[in-house]
PDB file of all heavy atoms in Angstrom:
ATOM      1  N   ALA A   1     -16.135  -6.896  27.278  1.00  0.00           N
ATOM      2  CA  ALA A   1     -17.415  -6.182  27.359  1.00  0.00           C
ATOM      3  C   ALA A   1     -18.460  -6.844  26.438  1.00  0.00           C
ATOM      4  O   ALA A   1     -18.102  -7.598  25.608  1.00  0.00           O
ATOM      5  CB  ALA A   1     -17.159  -4.755  27.030  1.00  0.00           C
ATOM      6  N   SER A   2     -19.673  -6.472  26.747  1.00  0.00           N
ATOM      7  CA  SER A   2     -20.724  -6.925  25.826  1.00  0.00           C
ATOM      8  C   SER A   2     -20.539  -6.230  24.500  1.00  0.00           C
ATOM      9  O   SER A   2     -19.911  -5.129  24.395  1.00  0.00           O
ATOM     10  CB  SER A   2     -22.095  -6.535  26.390  1.00  0.00           C
ATOM     11  OG  SER A   2     -22.189  -5.122  26.446  1.00  0.00           O
ATOM     12  N   GLN A   3     -21.010  -6.899  23.415  1.00  0.00           N
ATOM     13  CA  GLN A   3     -20.789  -6.333  22.106  1.00  0.00           C
ATOM     14  C   GLN A   3     -21.353  -4.980  21.934  1.00  0.00           C
ATOM     15  O   GLN A   3     -20.699  -4.078  21.360  1.00  0.00           O
ATOM     16  CB  GLN A   3     -21.355  -7.343  21.051  1.00  0.00           C
ATOM     17  CG  GLN A   3     -20.995  -7.016  19.610  1.00  0.00           C
ATOM     18  CD  GLN A   3     -21.810  -5.958  18.972  1.00  0.00           C
ATOM     19  OE1 GLN A   3     -22.958  -5.733  19.352  1.00  0.00           O
ATOM     20  NE2 GLN A   3     -21.263  -5.185  18.031  1.00  0.00           N
ATOM     21  N   ARG A   4     -22.565  -4.770  22.522  1.00  0.00           N
ATOM     22  CA  ARG A   4     -23.224  -3.465  22.321  1.00  0.00           C
ATOM     23  C   ARG A   4     -22.401  -2.351  23.055  1.00  0.00           C
ATOM     24  O   ARG A   4     -22.228  -1.230  22.477  1.00  0.00           O
ATOM     25  CB  ARG A   4     -24.639  -3.506  22.893  1.00  0.00           C
ATOM     26  CG  ARG A   4     -25.348  -2.156  22.818  1.00  0.00           C
ATOM     27  CD  ARG A   4     -26.800  -2.242  23.260  1.00  0.00           C
ATOM     28  NE  ARG A   4     -27.501  -0.997  23.145  1.00  0.00           N
ATOM     29  CZ  ARG A   4     -28.727  -0.837  23.354  1.00  0.00           C
ATOM     30  NH1 ARG A   4     -29.521  -1.814  23.713  1.00  0.00           N
ATOM     31  NH2 ARG A   4     -29.279   0.389  23.215  1.00  0.00           N
ATOM     32  N   THR A   5     -21.968  -2.658  24.257  1.00  0.00           N
ATOM     33  CA  THR A   5     -21.192  -1.639  24.985  1.00  0.00           C
ATOM     34  C   THR A   5     -19.887  -1.370  24.254  1.00  0.00           C
ATOM     35  O   THR A   5     -19.491  -0.183  24.071  1.00  0.00           O
ATOM     36  CB  THR A   5     -20.876  -2.125  26.444  1.00  0.00           C
ATOM     37  OG1 THR A   5     -22.112  -2.295  27.139  1.00  0.00           O
ATOM     38  CG2 THR A   5     -19.957  -1.193  27.122  1.00  0.00           C
ATOM     39  N   PHE A   6     -19.183  -2.386  23.823  1.00  0.00           N
ATOM     40  CA  PHE A   6     -17.906  -2.229  23.271  1.00  0.00           C
ATOM     41  C   PHE A   6     -17.967  -1.442  21.968  1.00  0.00           C
ATOM     42  O   PHE A   6     -17.141  -0.598  21.689  1.00  0.00           O
ATOM     43  CB  PHE A   6     -17.308  -3.577  23.045  1.00  0.00           C
ATOM     44  CG  PHE A   6     -15.771  -3.560  22.714  1.00  0.00           C
ATOM     45  CD1 PHE A   6     -14.946  -3.451  23.757  1.00  0.00           C
ATOM     46  CD2 PHE A   6     -15.321  -3.613  21.458  1.00  0.00           C
ATOM     47  CE1 PHE A   6     -13.526  -3.414  23.537  1.00  0.00           C
ATOM     48  CE2 PHE A   6     -13.902  -3.602  21.186  1.00  0.00           C
ATOM     49  CZ  PHE A   6     -13.058  -3.459  22.264  1.00  0.00           C
ATOM     50  N   SER A   7     -18.902  -1.716  21.105  1.00  0.00           N
ATOM     51  CA  SER A   7     -19.005  -1.120  19.824  1.00  0.00           C
ATOM     52  C   SER A   7     -19.365   0.361  19.832  1.00  0.00           C
ATOM     53  O   SER A   7     -19.164   1.021  18.876  1.00  0.00           O
ATOM     54  CB  SER A   7     -19.955  -1.890  18.910  1.00  0.00           C
ATOM     55  OG  SER A   7     -21.259  -1.787  19.412  1.00  0.00           O
ATOM     56  N   THR A   8     -19.926   0.797  20.921  1.00  0.00           N
ATOM     57  CA  THR A   8     -20.383   2.194  21.050  1.00  0.00           C
ATOM     58  C   THR A   8     -19.560   3.012  22.040  1.00  0.00           C
ATOM     59  O   THR A   8     -20.004   4.095  22.425  1.00  0.00           O
ATOM     60  CB  THR A   8     -21.876   2.217  21.399  1.00  0.00           C
ATOM     61  OG1 THR A   8     -22.062   1.572  22.670  1.00  0.00           O
ATOM     62  CG2 THR A   8     -22.772   1.575  20.360  1.00  0.00           C
ATOM     63  N   SER A   9     -18.443   2.482  22.489  1.00  0.00           N
ATOM     64  CA  SER A   9     -17.687   3.094  23.555  1.00  0.00           C
ATOM     65  C   SER A   9     -16.230   3.291  23.222  1.00  0.00           C
ATOM     66  O   SER A   9     -15.562   2.470  22.601  1.00  0.00           O
ATOM     67  CB  SER A   9     -17.763   2.274  24.819  1.00  0.00           C
ATOM     68  OG  SER A   9     -19.077   2.165  25.273  1.00  0.00           O
ATOM     69  N   ALA A  10     -15.723   4.458  23.709  1.00  0.00           N
ATOM     70  CA  ALA A  10     -14.308   4.626  23.886  1.00  0.00           C
ATOM     71  C   ALA A  10     -13.948   3.892  25.182  1.00  0.00           C
ATOM     72  O   ALA A  10     -14.657   4.031  26.163  1.00  0.00           O
ATOM     73  CB  ALA A  10     -13.910   6.104  23.961  1.00  0.00           C
ATOM     74  N   MET A  11     -12.837   3.133  25.152  1.00  0.00           N
ATOM     75  CA  MET A  11     -12.483   2.276  26.306  1.00  0.00           C
ATOM     76  C   MET A  11     -11.194   2.773  26.961  1.00  0.00           C
ATOM     77  O   MET A  11     -10.263   3.236  26.279  1.00  0.00           O
ATOM     78  CB  MET A  11     -12.285   0.864  25.757  1.00  0.00           C
ATOM     79  CG  MET A  11     -13.530   0.247  25.116  1.00  0.00           C
ATOM     80  SD  MET A  11     -14.916   0.095  26.240  1.00  0.00           S
ATOM     81  CE  MET A  11     -14.289  -1.087  27.439  1.00  0.00           C
ATOM     82  N   GLY A  12     -11.144   2.615  28.244  1.00  0.00           N
ATOM     83  CA  GLY A  12      -9.998   3.133  28.957  1.00  0.00           C
ATOM     84  C   GLY A  12      -9.572   2.330  30.154  1.00  0.00           C
ATOM     85  O   GLY A  12     -10.314   1.376  30.547  1.00  0.00           O
ATOM     86  N   TRP A  13      -8.539   2.720  30.784  1.00  0.00           N
ATOM     87  CA  TRP A  13      -8.079   2.141  32.041  1.00  0.00           C
ATOM     88  C   TRP A  13      -7.769   3.281  33.027  1.00  0.00           C
ATOM     89  O   TRP A  13      -7.087   4.278  32.597  1.00  0.00           O
ATOM     90  CB  TRP A  13      -6.793   1.287  31.790  1.00  0.00           C
ATOM     91  CG  TRP A  13      -7.043   0.048  31.010  1.00  0.00           C
ATOM     92  CD1 TRP A  13      -6.964  -0.131  29.624  1.00  0.00           C
ATOM     93  CD2 TRP A  13      -7.488  -1.263  31.567  1.00  0.00           C
ATOM     94  NE1 TRP A  13      -7.267  -1.413  29.339  1.00  0.00           N
ATOM     95  CE2 TRP A  13      -7.607  -2.089  30.425  1.00  0.00           C
ATOM     96  CE3 TRP A  13      -7.714  -1.727  32.835  1.00  0.00           C
ATOM     97  CZ2 TRP A  13      -7.933  -3.485  30.615  1.00  0.00           C
ATOM     98  CZ3 TRP A  13      -8.117  -3.050  32.969  1.00  0.00           C
ATOM     99  CH2 TRP A  13      -8.234  -3.904  31.855  1.00  0.00           C
ATOM    100  N   PHE A  14      -8.140   3.010  34.242  1.00  0.00           N
ATOM    101  CA  PHE A  14      -7.821   3.933  35.351  1.00  0.00           C
ATOM    102  C   PHE A  14      -7.216   3.088  36.432  1.00  0.00           C
ATOM    103  O   PHE A  14      -7.304   1.872  36.391  1.00  0.00           O
ATOM    104  CB  PHE A  14      -9.076   4.652  35.867  1.00  0.00           C
ATOM    105  CG  PHE A  14      -9.649   5.704  34.964  1.00  0.00           C
ATOM    106  CD1 PHE A  14     -10.254   5.326  33.725  1.00  0.00           C
ATOM    107  CD2 PHE A  14      -9.537   7.036  35.219  1.00  0.00           C
ATOM    108  CE1 PHE A  14     -10.754   6.273  32.856  1.00  0.00           C
ATOM    109  CE2 PHE A  14     -10.004   8.030  34.361  1.00  0.00           C
ATOM    110  CZ  PHE A  14     -10.665   7.637  33.204  1.00  0.00           C
ATOM    111  N   ARG A  15      -6.624   3.721  37.444  1.00  0.00           N
ATOM    112  CA  ARG A  15      -6.072   2.945  38.567  1.00  0.00           C
ATOM    113  C   ARG A  15      -6.256   3.728  39.835  1.00  0.00           C
ATOM    114  O   ARG A  15      -6.333   4.945  39.795  1.00  0.00           O
ATOM    115  CB  ARG A  15      -4.599   2.592  38.277  1.00  0.00           C
ATOM    116  CG  ARG A  15      -3.666   3.773  38.278  1.00  0.00           C
ATOM    117  CD  ARG A  15      -2.281   3.349  37.893  1.00  0.00           C
ATOM    118  NE  ARG A  15      -1.298   4.457  37.910  1.00  0.00           N
ATOM    119  CZ  ARG A  15      -0.088   4.346  37.463  1.00  0.00           C
ATOM    120  NH1 ARG A  15       0.422   3.160  36.980  1.00  0.00           N
ATOM    121  NH2 ARG A  15       0.767   5.364  37.497  1.00  0.00           N
ATOM    122  N   GLN A  16      -6.239   2.971  40.928  1.00  0.00           N
ATOM    123  CA  GLN A  16      -6.435   3.573  42.233  1.00  0.00           C
ATOM    124  C   GLN A  16      -5.530   2.884  43.246  1.00  0.00           C
ATOM    125  O   GLN A  16      -5.676   1.656  43.451  1.00  0.00           O
ATOM    126  CB  GLN A  16      -7.840   3.558  42.688  1.00  0.00           C
ATOM    127  CG  GLN A  16      -8.086   4.382  43.921  1.00  0.00           C
ATOM    128  CD  GLN A  16      -9.580   4.618  44.192  1.00  0.00           C
ATOM    129  OE1 GLN A  16     -10.460   3.922  43.652  1.00  0.00           O
ATOM    130  NE2 GLN A  16      -9.871   5.589  45.047  1.00  0.00           N
ATOM    131  N   ALA A  17      -4.572   3.595  43.803  1.00  0.00           N
ATOM    132  CA  ALA A  17      -3.708   3.071  44.823  1.00  0.00           C
ATOM    133  C   ALA A  17      -4.308   3.378  46.198  1.00  0.00           C
ATOM    134  O   ALA A  17      -5.145   4.299  46.298  1.00  0.00           O
ATOM    135  CB  ALA A  17      -2.297   3.648  44.709  1.00  0.00           C
ATOM    136  N   PRO A  18      -3.947   2.607  47.252  1.00  0.00           N
ATOM    137  CA  PRO A  18      -4.515   2.889  48.562  1.00  0.00           C
ATOM    138  C   PRO A  18      -4.277   4.246  49.042  1.00  0.00           C
ATOM    139  O   PRO A  18      -3.169   4.847  48.899  1.00  0.00           O
ATOM    140  CB  PRO A  18      -3.793   1.905  49.462  1.00  0.00           C
ATOM    141  CG  PRO A  18      -3.382   0.750  48.471  1.00  0.00           C
ATOM    142  CD  PRO A  18      -3.075   1.417  47.220  1.00  0.00           C
ATOM    143  N   GLY A  19      -5.339   5.015  49.490  1.00  0.00           N
ATOM    144  CA  GLY A  19      -5.254   6.302  50.007  1.00  0.00           C
ATOM    145  C   GLY A  19      -5.157   7.371  48.910  1.00  0.00           C
ATOM    146  O   GLY A  19      -4.965   8.553  49.258  1.00  0.00           O
ATOM    147  N   LYS A  20      -5.272   6.966  47.654  1.00  0.00           N
ATOM    148  CA  LYS A  20      -5.170   7.946  46.564  1.00  0.00           C
ATOM    149  C   LYS A  20      -6.417   7.982  45.761  1.00  0.00           C
ATOM    150  O   LYS A  20      -7.247   7.041  45.804  1.00  0.00           O
ATOM    151  CB  LYS A  20      -3.950   7.651  45.694  1.00  0.00           C
ATOM    152  CG  LYS A  20      -2.640   7.796  46.405  1.00  0.00           C
ATOM    153  CD  LYS A  20      -1.474   7.636  45.418  1.00  0.00           C
ATOM    154  CE  LYS A  20      -0.169   7.825  46.095  1.00  0.00           C
ATOM    155  NZ  LYS A  20       0.991   7.743  45.106  1.00  0.00           N
ATOM    156  N   GLU A  21      -6.609   9.040  44.979  1.00  0.00           N
ATOM    157  CA  GLU A  21      -7.785   9.106  44.145  1.00  0.00           C
ATOM    158  C   GLU A  21      -7.557   8.293  42.886  1.00  0.00           C
ATOM    159  O   GLU A  21      -6.407   7.969  42.484  1.00  0.00           O
ATOM    160  CB  GLU A  21      -7.984  10.557  43.708  1.00  0.00           C
ATOM    161  CG  GLU A  21      -8.410  11.474  44.881  1.00  0.00           C
ATOM    162  CD  GLU A  21      -8.799  12.872  44.394  1.00  0.00           C
ATOM    163  OE1 GLU A  21      -8.509  13.216  43.260  1.00  0.00           O
ATOM    164  OE2 GLU A  21      -9.291  13.609  45.243  1.00  0.00           O
ATOM    165  N   ARG A  22      -8.695   7.883  42.280  1.00  0.00           N
ATOM    166  CA  ARG A  22      -8.579   7.130  41.036  1.00  0.00           C
ATOM    167  C   ARG A  22      -8.028   8.009  39.936  1.00  0.00           C
ATOM    168  O   ARG A  22      -8.437   9.183  39.844  1.00  0.00           O
ATOM    169  CB  ARG A  22      -9.980   6.625  40.615  1.00  0.00           C
ATOM    170  CG  ARG A  22      -9.934   5.567  39.491  1.00  0.00           C
ATOM    171  CD  ARG A  22     -11.306   4.926  39.393  1.00  0.00           C
ATOM    172  NE  ARG A  22     -11.710   4.175  40.557  1.00  0.00           N
ATOM    173  CZ  ARG A  22     -12.755   3.374  40.660  1.00  0.00           C
ATOM    174  NH1 ARG A  22     -13.545   3.216  39.608  1.00  0.00           N
ATOM    175  NH2 ARG A  22     -13.057   2.800  41.792  1.00  0.00           N
ATOM    176  N   GLU A  23      -7.139   7.526  39.123  1.00  0.00           N
ATOM    177  CA  GLU A  23      -6.427   8.350  38.155  1.00  0.00           C
ATOM    178  C   GLU A  23      -6.473   7.628  36.775  1.00  0.00           C
ATOM    179  O   GLU A  23      -6.484   6.458  36.655  1.00  0.00           O
ATOM    180  CB  GLU A  23      -5.009   8.608  38.551  1.00  0.00           C
ATOM    181  CG  GLU A  23      -4.100   7.435  38.561  1.00  0.00           C
ATOM    182  CD  GLU A  23      -2.657   7.763  38.912  1.00  0.00           C
ATOM    183  OE1 GLU A  23      -2.390   8.931  39.214  1.00  0.00           O
ATOM    184  OE2 GLU A  23      -1.799   6.864  38.881  1.00  0.00           O
ATOM    185  N   PHE A  24      -6.413   8.531  35.784  1.00  0.00           N
ATOM    186  CA  PHE A  24      -6.413   8.050  34.346  1.00  0.00           C
ATOM    187  C   PHE A  24      -5.105   7.407  34.056  1.00  0.00           C
ATOM    188  O   PHE A  24      -4.005   7.848  34.503  1.00  0.00           O
ATOM    189  CB  PHE A  24      -6.655   9.299  33.506  1.00  0.00           C
ATOM    190  CG  PHE A  24      -6.335   9.063  32.066  1.00  0.00           C
ATOM    191  CD1 PHE A  24      -7.198   8.309  31.273  1.00  0.00           C
ATOM    192  CD2 PHE A  24      -5.139   9.552  31.461  1.00  0.00           C
ATOM    193  CE1 PHE A  24      -6.939   8.084  29.893  1.00  0.00           C
ATOM    194  CE2 PHE A  24      -4.850   9.366  30.149  1.00  0.00           C
ATOM    195  CZ  PHE A  24      -5.751   8.660  29.334  1.00  0.00           C
ATOM    196  N   VAL A  25      -5.160   6.359  33.271  1.00  0.00           N
ATOM    197  CA  VAL A  25      -3.961   5.612  32.793  1.00  0.00           C
ATOM    198  C   VAL A  25      -3.876   5.682  31.249  1.00  0.00           C
ATOM    199  O   VAL A  25      -2.876   6.169  30.729  1.00  0.00           O
ATOM    200  CB  VAL A  25      -3.964   4.160  33.249  1.00  0.00           C
ATOM    201  CG1 VAL A  25      -2.793   3.439  32.632  1.00  0.00           C
ATOM    202  CG2 VAL A  25      -3.999   4.066  34.783  1.00  0.00           C
ATOM    203  N   ALA A  26      -4.924   5.211  30.591  1.00  0.00           N
ATOM    204  CA  ALA A  26      -4.840   5.137  29.097  1.00  0.00           C
ATOM    205  C   ALA A  26      -6.269   5.079  28.535  1.00  0.00           C
ATOM    206  O   ALA A  26      -7.173   4.555  29.209  1.00  0.00           O
ATOM    207  CB  ALA A  26      -4.060   3.999  28.633  1.00  0.00           C
ATOM    208  N   VAL A  27      -6.395   5.514  27.349  1.00  0.00           N
ATOM    209  CA  VAL A  27      -7.715   5.446  26.684  1.00  0.00           C
ATOM    210  C   VAL A  27      -7.466   5.173  25.212  1.00  0.00           C
ATOM    211  O   VAL A  27      -6.506   5.572  24.581  1.00  0.00           O
ATOM    212  CB  VAL A  27      -8.516   6.710  26.910  1.00  0.00           C
ATOM    213  CG1 VAL A  27      -7.914   7.906  26.173  1.00  0.00           C
ATOM    214  CG2 VAL A  27     -10.001   6.571  26.466  1.00  0.00           C
ATOM    215  N   ILE A  28      -8.493   4.560  24.537  1.00  0.00           N
ATOM    216  CA  ILE A  28      -8.512   4.315  23.071  1.00  0.00           C
ATOM    217  C   ILE A  28      -9.844   4.666  22.570  1.00  0.00           C
ATOM    218  O   ILE A  28     -10.872   4.352  23.137  1.00  0.00           O
ATOM    219  CB  ILE A  28      -8.032   2.844  22.788  1.00  0.00           C
ATOM    220  CG1 ILE A  28      -7.932   2.733  21.232  1.00  0.00           C
ATOM    221  CG2 ILE A  28      -9.058   1.840  23.354  1.00  0.00           C
ATOM    222  CD1 ILE A  28      -7.190   1.402  20.841  1.00  0.00           C
ATOM    223  N   SER A  29      -9.855   5.345  21.469  1.00  0.00           N
ATOM    224  CA  SER A  29     -11.115   5.790  20.884  1.00  0.00           C
ATOM    225  C   SER A  29     -11.994   4.617  20.422  1.00  0.00           C
ATOM    226  O   SER A  29     -11.508   3.496  20.208  1.00  0.00           O
ATOM    227  CB  SER A  29     -10.823   6.784  19.719  1.00  0.00           C
ATOM    228  OG  SER A  29     -10.165   6.091  18.668  1.00  0.00           O
ATOM    229  N   ARG A  30     -13.237   4.941  20.206  1.00  0.00           N
ATOM    230  CA  ARG A  30     -14.208   3.958  19.743  1.00  0.00           C
ATOM    231  C   ARG A  30     -13.694   3.282  18.446  1.00  0.00           C
ATOM    232  O   ARG A  30     -13.822   2.101  18.273  1.00  0.00           O
ATOM    233  CB  ARG A  30     -15.588   4.584  19.559  1.00  0.00           C
ATOM    234  CG  ARG A  30     -16.613   3.745  18.927  1.00  0.00           C
ATOM    235  CD  ARG A  30     -17.963   4.500  18.816  1.00  0.00           C
ATOM    236  NE  ARG A  30     -18.849   3.801  17.917  1.00  0.00           N
ATOM    237  CZ  ARG A  30     -20.077   4.228  17.579  1.00  0.00           C
ATOM    238  NH1 ARG A  30     -20.497   5.411  18.105  1.00  0.00           N
ATOM    239  NH2 ARG A  30     -20.840   3.584  16.793  1.00  0.00           N
ATOM    240  N   GLY A  31     -13.156   4.054  17.590  1.00  0.00           N
ATOM    241  CA  GLY A  31     -12.679   3.518  16.285  1.00  0.00           C
ATOM    242  C   GLY A  31     -11.295   2.907  16.357  1.00  0.00           C
ATOM    243  O   GLY A  31     -10.845   2.307  15.401  1.00  0.00           O
ATOM    244  N   GLY A  32     -10.647   3.067  17.528  1.00  0.00           N
ATOM    245  CA  GLY A  32      -9.340   2.455  17.707  1.00  0.00           C
ATOM    246  C   GLY A  32      -8.219   3.266  17.093  1.00  0.00           C
ATOM    247  O   GLY A  32      -7.076   2.787  17.069  1.00  0.00           O
ATOM    248  N   THR A  33      -8.513   4.455  16.516  1.00  0.00           N
ATOM    249  CA  THR A  33      -7.407   5.198  15.861  1.00  0.00           C
ATOM    250  C   THR A  33      -6.657   6.163  16.695  1.00  0.00           C
ATOM    251  O   THR A  33      -5.611   6.607  16.276  1.00  0.00           O
ATOM    252  CB  THR A  33      -8.058   5.973  14.649  1.00  0.00           C
ATOM    253  OG1 THR A  33      -9.094   6.862  15.187  1.00  0.00           O
ATOM    254  CG2 THR A  33      -8.729   4.977  13.667  1.00  0.00           C
ATOM    255  N   ARG A  34      -7.213   6.477  17.862  1.00  0.00           N
ATOM    256  CA  ARG A  34      -6.531   7.435  18.730  1.00  0.00           C
ATOM    257  C   ARG A  34      -6.432   6.874  20.107  1.00  0.00           C
ATOM    258  O   ARG A  34      -7.245   6.180  20.593  1.00  0.00           O
ATOM    259  CB  ARG A  34      -7.373   8.744  18.766  1.00  0.00           C
ATOM    260  CG  ARG A  34      -7.460   9.525  17.474  1.00  0.00           C
ATOM    261  CD  ARG A  34      -8.200  10.835  17.709  1.00  0.00           C
ATOM    262  NE  ARG A  34      -7.371  11.740  18.406  1.00  0.00           N
ATOM    263  CZ  ARG A  34      -7.776  12.899  18.919  1.00  0.00           C
ATOM    264  NH1 ARG A  34      -9.038  13.188  18.831  1.00  0.00           N
ATOM    265  NH2 ARG A  34      -6.916  13.733  19.537  1.00  0.00           N
ATOM    266  N   THR A  35      -5.249   7.160  20.657  1.00  0.00           N
ATOM    267  CA  THR A  35      -4.947   6.717  22.033  1.00  0.00           C
ATOM    268  C   THR A  35      -4.364   7.923  22.810  1.00  0.00           C
ATOM    269  O   THR A  35      -3.849   8.895  22.271  1.00  0.00           O
ATOM    270  CB  THR A  35      -3.936   5.617  22.067  1.00  0.00           C
ATOM    271  OG1 THR A  35      -2.723   6.009  21.436  1.00  0.00           O
ATOM    272  CG2 THR A  35      -4.518   4.334  21.403  1.00  0.00           C
ATOM    273  N   ASN A  36      -4.495   7.836  24.131  1.00  0.00           N
ATOM    274  CA  ASN A  36      -3.879   8.826  24.984  1.00  0.00           C
ATOM    275  C   ASN A  36      -3.400   8.137  26.319  1.00  0.00           C
ATOM    276  O   ASN A  36      -4.029   7.157  26.732  1.00  0.00           O
ATOM    277  CB  ASN A  36      -4.865   9.944  25.292  1.00  0.00           C
ATOM    278  CG  ASN A  36      -4.220  11.129  25.950  1.00  0.00           C
ATOM    279  OD1 ASN A  36      -3.096  11.455  25.655  1.00  0.00           O
ATOM    280  ND2 ASN A  36      -4.983  11.752  26.842  1.00  0.00           N
ATOM    281  N   TYR A  37      -2.317   8.637  26.848  1.00  0.00           N
ATOM    282  CA  TYR A  37      -1.718   8.046  28.007  1.00  0.00           C
ATOM    283  C   TYR A  37      -1.436   9.098  29.093  1.00  0.00           C
ATOM    284  O   TYR A  37      -1.041  10.219  28.731  1.00  0.00           O
ATOM    285  CB  TYR A  37      -0.420   7.300  27.662  1.00  0.00           C
ATOM    286  CG  TYR A  37      -0.608   6.193  26.684  1.00  0.00           C
ATOM    287  CD1 TYR A  37      -0.563   6.366  25.318  1.00  0.00           C
ATOM    288  CD2 TYR A  37      -0.887   4.841  27.113  1.00  0.00           C
ATOM    289  CE1 TYR A  37      -0.748   5.351  24.372  1.00  0.00           C
ATOM    290  CE2 TYR A  37      -1.099   3.866  26.210  1.00  0.00           C
ATOM    291  CZ  TYR A  37      -1.001   4.075  24.876  1.00  0.00           C
ATOM    292  OH  TYR A  37      -1.172   3.025  23.989  1.00  0.00           O
ATOM    293  N   ALA A  38      -1.466   8.650  30.267  1.00  0.00           N
ATOM    294  CA  ALA A  38      -0.911   9.504  31.418  1.00  0.00           C
ATOM    295  C   ALA A  38       0.592   9.591  31.193  1.00  0.00           C
ATOM    296  O   ALA A  38       1.248   8.678  30.710  1.00  0.00           O
ATOM    297  CB  ALA A  38      -1.241   8.880  32.706  1.00  0.00           C
ATOM    298  N   ASP A  39       1.135  10.760  31.578  1.00  0.00           N
ATOM    299  CA  ASP A  39       2.593  10.944  31.391  1.00  0.00           C
ATOM    300  C   ASP A  39       3.383   9.899  32.178  1.00  0.00           C
ATOM    301  O   ASP A  39       4.450   9.496  31.675  1.00  0.00           O
ATOM    302  CB  ASP A  39       2.974  12.353  31.933  1.00  0.00           C
ATOM    303  CG  ASP A  39       2.468  13.465  31.018  1.00  0.00           C
ATOM    304  OD1 ASP A  39       2.170  13.187  29.826  1.00  0.00           O
ATOM    305  OD2 ASP A  39       2.437  14.621  31.474  1.00  0.00           O
ATOM    306  N   SER A  40       2.861   9.460  33.277  1.00  0.00           N
ATOM    307  CA  SER A  40       3.617   8.463  34.093  1.00  0.00           C
ATOM    308  C   SER A  40       3.747   7.132  33.461  1.00  0.00           C
ATOM    309  O   SER A  40       4.583   6.269  33.879  1.00  0.00           O
ATOM    310  CB  SER A  40       2.885   8.310  35.454  1.00  0.00           C
ATOM    311  OG  SER A  40       1.576   7.854  35.263  1.00  0.00           O
ATOM    312  N   VAL A  41       2.947   6.805  32.427  1.00  0.00           N
ATOM    313  CA  VAL A  41       3.047   5.506  31.807  1.00  0.00           C
ATOM    314  C   VAL A  41       3.431   5.523  30.295  1.00  0.00           C
ATOM    315  O   VAL A  41       3.633   4.501  29.722  1.00  0.00           O
ATOM    316  CB  VAL A  41       1.666   4.697  31.918  1.00  0.00           C
ATOM    317  CG1 VAL A  41       1.283   4.660  33.418  1.00  0.00           C
ATOM    318  CG2 VAL A  41       0.654   5.321  31.058  1.00  0.00           C
ATOM    319  N   LYS A  42       3.606   6.749  29.780  1.00  0.00           N
ATOM    320  CA  LYS A  42       3.963   6.872  28.354  1.00  0.00           C
ATOM    321  C   LYS A  42       5.272   6.153  28.071  1.00  0.00           C
ATOM    322  O   LYS A  42       6.277   6.265  28.843  1.00  0.00           O
ATOM    323  CB  LYS A  42       4.061   8.348  27.948  1.00  0.00           C
ATOM    324  CG  LYS A  42       2.760   9.005  27.724  1.00  0.00           C
ATOM    325  CD  LYS A  42       2.957  10.424  27.243  1.00  0.00           C
ATOM    326  CE  LYS A  42       1.629  11.138  26.991  1.00  0.00           C
ATOM    327  NZ  LYS A  42       1.708  12.564  26.722  1.00  0.00           N
ATOM    328  N   GLY A  43       5.251   5.421  26.991  1.00  0.00           N
ATOM    329  CA  GLY A  43       6.475   4.684  26.613  1.00  0.00           C
ATOM    330  C   GLY A  43       6.587   3.291  27.290  1.00  0.00           C
ATOM    331  O   GLY A  43       7.415   2.497  26.855  1.00  0.00           O
ATOM    332  N   ARG A  44       5.747   3.029  28.270  1.00  0.00           N
ATOM    333  CA  ARG A  44       5.824   1.749  28.998  1.00  0.00           C
ATOM    334  C   ARG A  44       4.527   0.966  28.813  1.00  0.00           C
ATOM    335  O   ARG A  44       4.552  -0.263  28.752  1.00  0.00           O
ATOM    336  CB  ARG A  44       6.070   1.984  30.473  1.00  0.00           C
ATOM    337  CG  ARG A  44       7.321   2.717  30.752  1.00  0.00           C
ATOM    338  CD  ARG A  44       7.607   2.749  32.311  1.00  0.00           C
ATOM    339  NE  ARG A  44       6.587   3.429  33.016  1.00  0.00           N
ATOM    340  CZ  ARG A  44       5.844   2.892  34.031  1.00  0.00           C
ATOM    341  NH1 ARG A  44       6.039   1.589  34.323  1.00  0.00           N
ATOM    342  NH2 ARG A  44       4.965   3.625  34.658  1.00  0.00           N
ATOM    343  N   PHE A  45       3.372   1.590  28.698  1.00  0.00           N
ATOM    344  CA  PHE A  45       2.127   0.942  28.604  1.00  0.00           C
ATOM    345  C   PHE A  45       1.514   1.208  27.167  1.00  0.00           C
ATOM    346  O   PHE A  45       1.764   2.204  26.577  1.00  0.00           O
ATOM    347  CB  PHE A  45       1.106   1.526  29.588  1.00  0.00           C
ATOM    348  CG  PHE A  45       1.329   1.219  31.024  1.00  0.00           C
ATOM    349  CD1 PHE A  45       2.567   0.636  31.467  1.00  0.00           C
ATOM    350  CD2 PHE A  45       0.408   1.469  32.001  1.00  0.00           C
ATOM    351  CE1 PHE A  45       2.817   0.318  32.786  1.00  0.00           C
ATOM    352  CE2 PHE A  45       0.616   1.186  33.343  1.00  0.00           C
ATOM    353  CZ  PHE A  45       1.802   0.647  33.762  1.00  0.00           C
ATOM    354  N   THR A  46       0.781   0.168  26.730  1.00  0.00           N
ATOM    355  CA  THR A  46       0.084   0.299  25.428  1.00  0.00           C
ATOM    356  C   THR A  46      -1.279  -0.220  25.533  1.00  0.00           C
ATOM    357  O   THR A  46      -1.531  -1.371  26.013  1.00  0.00           O
ATOM    358  CB  THR A  46       0.896  -0.556  24.365  1.00  0.00           C
ATOM    359  OG1 THR A  46       2.249  -0.143  24.275  1.00  0.00           O
ATOM    360  CG2 THR A  46       0.206  -0.423  23.024  1.00  0.00           C
TER     361      THR A  46
END
């Protein structure tokens, strides 16, 4: 990302399979100290 966007944003990943809605995967806070994961990927994705 651009420096300005990155430094002022919490960043995350979502995914969308064919025929399905876009869904949350993981997120990390702006400061990098907090993360959260979808139950389906916990323990496998970082």
